[in-house]
């Protein structure tokens, strides 16, 4: 993997893990998504960690729809076959609170519970 591909993949991973301010992560991920390279996988555990951080107040739950929308739209972010239905539904519903319900700490708790049961 070249340095550019490695940097591009790292920007996508950083967004998935919500490692810093969302604005910077989204900008870097959108730029990185333009480069060819291997996919970066979004897994159930990464989503659970983000939801837990929303519940704990480490990241703003009101920013979760923007995070989900961005992750959902990135070409190089893929979801494993086992989790594709659940995580695609999660990303779609959370990124469209005007169609479903406002994203709250309680919504985060319900999604964590669902991911642990399914």
C-alpha atoms as a PDB file:
ATOM      1  CA  UNK A   1       0.000   0.000   0.000  1.00  0.00           C
ATOM      2  CA  UNK A   2       1.419   3.389  -0.951  1.00  0.00           C
ATOM      3  CA  UNK A   3       1.729   6.247   1.518  1.00  0.00           C
ATOM      4  CA  UNK A   4      -1.239   8.044  -0.074  1.00  0.00           C
ATOM      5  CA  UNK A   5      -3.394   4.898   0.134  1.00  0.00           C
ATOM      6  CA  UNK A   6      -2.334   4.367   3.742  1.00  0.00           C
ATOM      7  CA  UNK A   7      -3.154   7.982   4.665  1.00  0.00           C
ATOM      8  CA  UNK A   8      -6.476   7.727   2.813  1.00  0.00           C
ATOM      9  CA  UNK A   9      -7.398   4.530   4.642  1.00  0.00           C
ATOM     10  CA  UNK A  10      -6.363   6.021   7.984  1.00  0.00           C
ATOM     11  CA  UNK A  11      -8.626   9.043   7.404  1.00  0.00           C
ATOM     12  CA  UNK A  12     -11.570   6.691   6.850  1.00  0.00           C
ATOM     13  CA  UNK A  13     -10.719   4.643   9.942  1.00  0.00           C
ATOM     14  CA  UNK A  14     -10.392   7.842  11.992  1.00  0.00           C
ATOM     15  CA  UNK A  15     -13.892   8.873  10.938  1.00  0.00           C
ATOM     16  CA  UNK A  16     -15.361   5.443  11.665  1.00  0.00           C
ATOM     17  CA  UNK A  17     -13.812   5.601  15.135  1.00  0.00           C
ATOM     18  CA  UNK A  18     -14.743   9.306  15.520  1.00  0.00           C
ATOM     19  CA  UNK A  19     -11.262  10.060  16.839  1.00  0.00           C
ATOM     20  CA  UNK A  20     -11.445  13.864  16.894  1.00  0.00           C
ATOM     21  CA  UNK A  21     -13.597  16.829  15.819  1.00  0.00           C
ATOM     22  CA  UNK A  22     -16.205  15.662  13.337  1.00  0.00           C
ATOM     23  CA  UNK A  23     -15.735  18.539  10.856  1.00  0.00           C
ATOM     24  CA  UNK A  24     -12.067  17.709  10.331  1.00  0.00           C
ATOM     25  CA  UNK A  25     -12.737  13.988  10.142  1.00  0.00           C
ATOM     26  CA  UNK A  26     -15.481  14.420   7.543  1.00  0.00           C
ATOM     27  CA  UNK A  27     -13.315  16.674   5.373  1.00  0.00           C
ATOM     28  CA  UNK A  28     -10.368  14.267   5.485  1.00  0.00           C
ATOM     29  CA  UNK A  29     -12.570  11.229   4.842  1.00  0.00           C
ATOM     30  CA  UNK A  30     -14.304  12.865   1.870  1.00  0.00           C
ATOM     31  CA  UNK A  31     -10.924  13.765   0.346  1.00  0.00           C
ATOM     32  CA  UNK A  32      -9.568  10.272   1.034  1.00  0.00           C
ATOM     33  CA  UNK A  33     -12.600   8.554  -0.451  1.00  0.00           C
ATOM     34  CA  UNK A  34     -11.550   9.836  -3.894  1.00  0.00           C
ATOM     35  CA  UNK A  35      -8.402   7.673  -3.896  1.00  0.00           C
ATOM     36  CA  UNK A  36      -8.368   4.119  -5.123  1.00  0.00           C
ATOM     37  CA  UNK A  37      -7.511   1.628  -2.476  1.00  0.00           C
ATOM     38  CA  UNK A  38      -8.755  -1.235  -0.388  1.00  0.00           C
ATOM     39  CA  UNK A  39     -12.056  -0.846   1.393  1.00  0.00           C
ATOM     40  CA  UNK A  40     -12.266   0.054   5.049  1.00  0.00           C
ATOM     41  CA  UNK A  41     -14.798  -2.004   6.946  1.00  0.00           C
ATOM     42  CA  UNK A  42     -17.432  -0.682   9.327  1.00  0.00           C
ATOM     43  CA  UNK A  43     -18.245  -3.279  11.942  1.00  0.00           C
ATOM     44  CA  UNK A  44     -20.824  -3.676  14.634  1.00  0.00           C
ATOM     45  CA  UNK A  45     -18.239  -3.193  17.382  1.00  0.00           C
ATOM     46  CA  UNK A  46     -17.070   0.163  15.975  1.00  0.00           C
ATOM     47  CA  UNK A  47     -20.676   1.382  15.833  1.00  0.00           C
ATOM     48  CA  UNK A  48     -21.319   0.199  19.397  1.00  0.00           C
ATOM     49  CA  UNK A  49     -18.252   2.119  20.595  1.00  0.00           C
ATOM     50  CA  UNK A  50     -19.466   5.321  18.899  1.00  0.00           C
ATOM     51  CA  UNK A  51     -22.943   4.878  20.393  1.00  0.00           C
ATOM     52  CA  UNK A  52     -21.456   4.268  23.838  1.00  0.00           C
ATOM     53  CA  UNK A  53     -19.400   7.445  23.507  1.00  0.00           C
ATOM     54  CA  UNK A  54     -22.598   9.360  22.629  1.00  0.00           C
ATOM     55  CA  UNK A  55     -24.285   7.962  25.742  1.00  0.00           C
ATOM     56  CA  UNK A  56     -21.299   8.919  27.915  1.00  0.00           C
ATOM     57  CA  UNK A  57     -21.203  12.435  26.456  1.00  0.00           C
ATOM     58  CA  UNK A  58     -17.726  12.014  24.950  1.00  0.00           C
ATOM     59  CA  UNK A  59     -19.135  12.977  21.545  1.00  0.00           C
ATOM     60  CA  UNK A  60     -22.287  14.985  20.891  1.00  0.00           C
ATOM     61  CA  UNK A  61     -25.286  12.774  20.192  1.00  0.00           C
ATOM     62  CA  UNK A  62     -26.688  15.603  18.039  1.00  0.00           C
ATOM     63  CA  UNK A  63     -23.745  15.084  15.646  1.00  0.00           C
ATOM     64  CA  UNK A  64     -24.490  11.370  15.257  1.00  0.00           C
ATOM     65  CA  UNK A  65     -26.766  11.868  12.207  1.00  0.00           C
ATOM     66  CA  UNK A  66     -23.964  13.706  10.375  1.00  0.00           C
ATOM     67  CA  UNK A  67     -21.455  11.015  11.287  1.00  0.00           C
ATOM     68  CA  UNK A  68     -23.826   8.252  10.122  1.00  0.00           C
ATOM     69  CA  UNK A  69     -24.700  10.081   6.881  1.00  0.00           C
ATOM     70  CA  UNK A  70     -21.043  10.576   6.016  1.00  0.00           C
ATOM     71  CA  UNK A  71     -20.025   7.000   6.824  1.00  0.00           C
ATOM     72  CA  UNK A  72     -23.001   5.704   4.831  1.00  0.00           C
ATOM     73  CA  UNK A  73     -22.112   7.750   1.733  1.00  0.00           C
ATOM     74  CA  UNK A  74     -18.392   6.927   1.526  1.00  0.00           C
ATOM     75  CA  UNK A  75     -17.582   4.623  -1.384  1.00  0.00           C
ATOM     76  CA  UNK A  76     -14.647   2.883   0.290  1.00  0.00           C
ATOM     77  CA  UNK A  77     -16.458   2.089   3.541  1.00  0.00           C
ATOM     78  CA  UNK A  78     -17.944  -1.376   3.374  1.00  0.00           C
ATOM     79  CA  UNK A  79     -19.934  -3.504   5.789  1.00  0.00           C
ATOM     80  CA  UNK A  80     -19.380  -7.226   6.254  1.00  0.00           C
ATOM     81  CA  UNK A  81     -22.017  -9.528   4.810  1.00  0.00           C
ATOM     82  CA  UNK A  82     -23.052 -10.653   8.315  1.00  0.00           C
ATOM     83  CA  UNK A  83     -23.839  -7.103   9.445  1.00  0.00           C
ATOM     84  CA  UNK A  84     -24.945  -5.429   6.234  1.00  0.00           C
ATOM     85  CA  UNK A  85     -28.702  -5.424   6.904  1.00  0.00           C
ATOM     86  CA  UNK A  86     -28.461  -4.249  10.508  1.00  0.00           C
ATOM     87  CA  UNK A  87     -25.777  -1.604   9.986  1.00  0.00           C
ATOM     88  CA  UNK A  88     -27.292  -0.282   6.765  1.00  0.00           C
ATOM     89  CA  UNK A  89     -30.610   0.123   8.585  1.00  0.00           C
ATOM     90  CA  UNK A  90     -28.821   1.840  11.483  1.00  0.00           C
ATOM     91  CA  UNK A  91     -26.962   4.261   9.201  1.00  0.00           C
ATOM     92  CA  UNK A  92     -30.094   5.079   7.207  1.00  0.00           C
ATOM     93  CA  UNK A  93     -32.379   5.630  10.201  1.00  0.00           C
ATOM     94  CA  UNK A  94     -29.884   7.583  12.293  1.00  0.00           C
ATOM     95  CA  UNK A  95     -28.812   9.773   9.377  1.00  0.00           C
ATOM     96  CA  UNK A  96     -32.451  10.689   8.666  1.00  0.00           C
ATOM     97  CA  UNK A  97     -33.956  11.704  12.010  1.00  0.00           C
ATOM     98  CA  UNK A  98     -36.566  13.796  10.200  1.00  0.00           C
ATOM     99  CA  UNK A  99     -37.947  10.562   8.692  1.00  0.00           C
ATOM    100  CA  UNK A 100     -37.653   8.354  11.777  1.00  0.00           C
ATOM    101  CA  UNK A 101     -37.083   9.940  15.178  1.00  0.00           C
ATOM    102  CA  UNK A 102     -34.728  12.491  16.712  1.00  0.00           C
ATOM    103  CA  UNK A 103     -31.452  10.915  17.777  1.00  0.00           C
ATOM    104  CA  UNK A 104     -31.166  10.853  21.554  1.00  0.00           C
ATOM    105  CA  UNK A 105     -29.212   8.949  24.177  1.00  0.00           C
ATOM    106  CA  UNK A 106     -32.199   6.606  24.472  1.00  0.00           C
ATOM    107  CA  UNK A 107     -32.094   5.887  20.723  1.00  0.00           C
ATOM    108  CA  UNK A 108     -28.383   5.067  21.102  1.00  0.00           C
ATOM    109  CA  UNK A 109     -29.175   2.656  23.945  1.00  0.00           C
ATOM    110  CA  UNK A 110     -31.855   0.924  21.845  1.00  0.00           C
ATOM    111  CA  UNK A 111     -29.462   0.467  18.927  1.00  0.00           C
ATOM    112  CA  UNK A 112     -26.782  -0.992  21.216  1.00  0.00           C
ATOM    113  CA  UNK A 113     -29.364  -3.388  22.647  1.00  0.00           C
ATOM    114  CA  UNK A 114     -30.492  -4.409  19.157  1.00  0.00           C
ATOM    115  CA  UNK A 115     -26.904  -4.984  18.000  1.00  0.00           C
ATOM    116  CA  UNK A 116     -26.266  -7.202  20.994  1.00  0.00           C
ATOM    117  CA  UNK A 117     -29.413  -9.284  20.392  1.00  0.00           C
ATOM    118  CA  UNK A 118     -29.246  -9.771  16.612  1.00  0.00           C
END
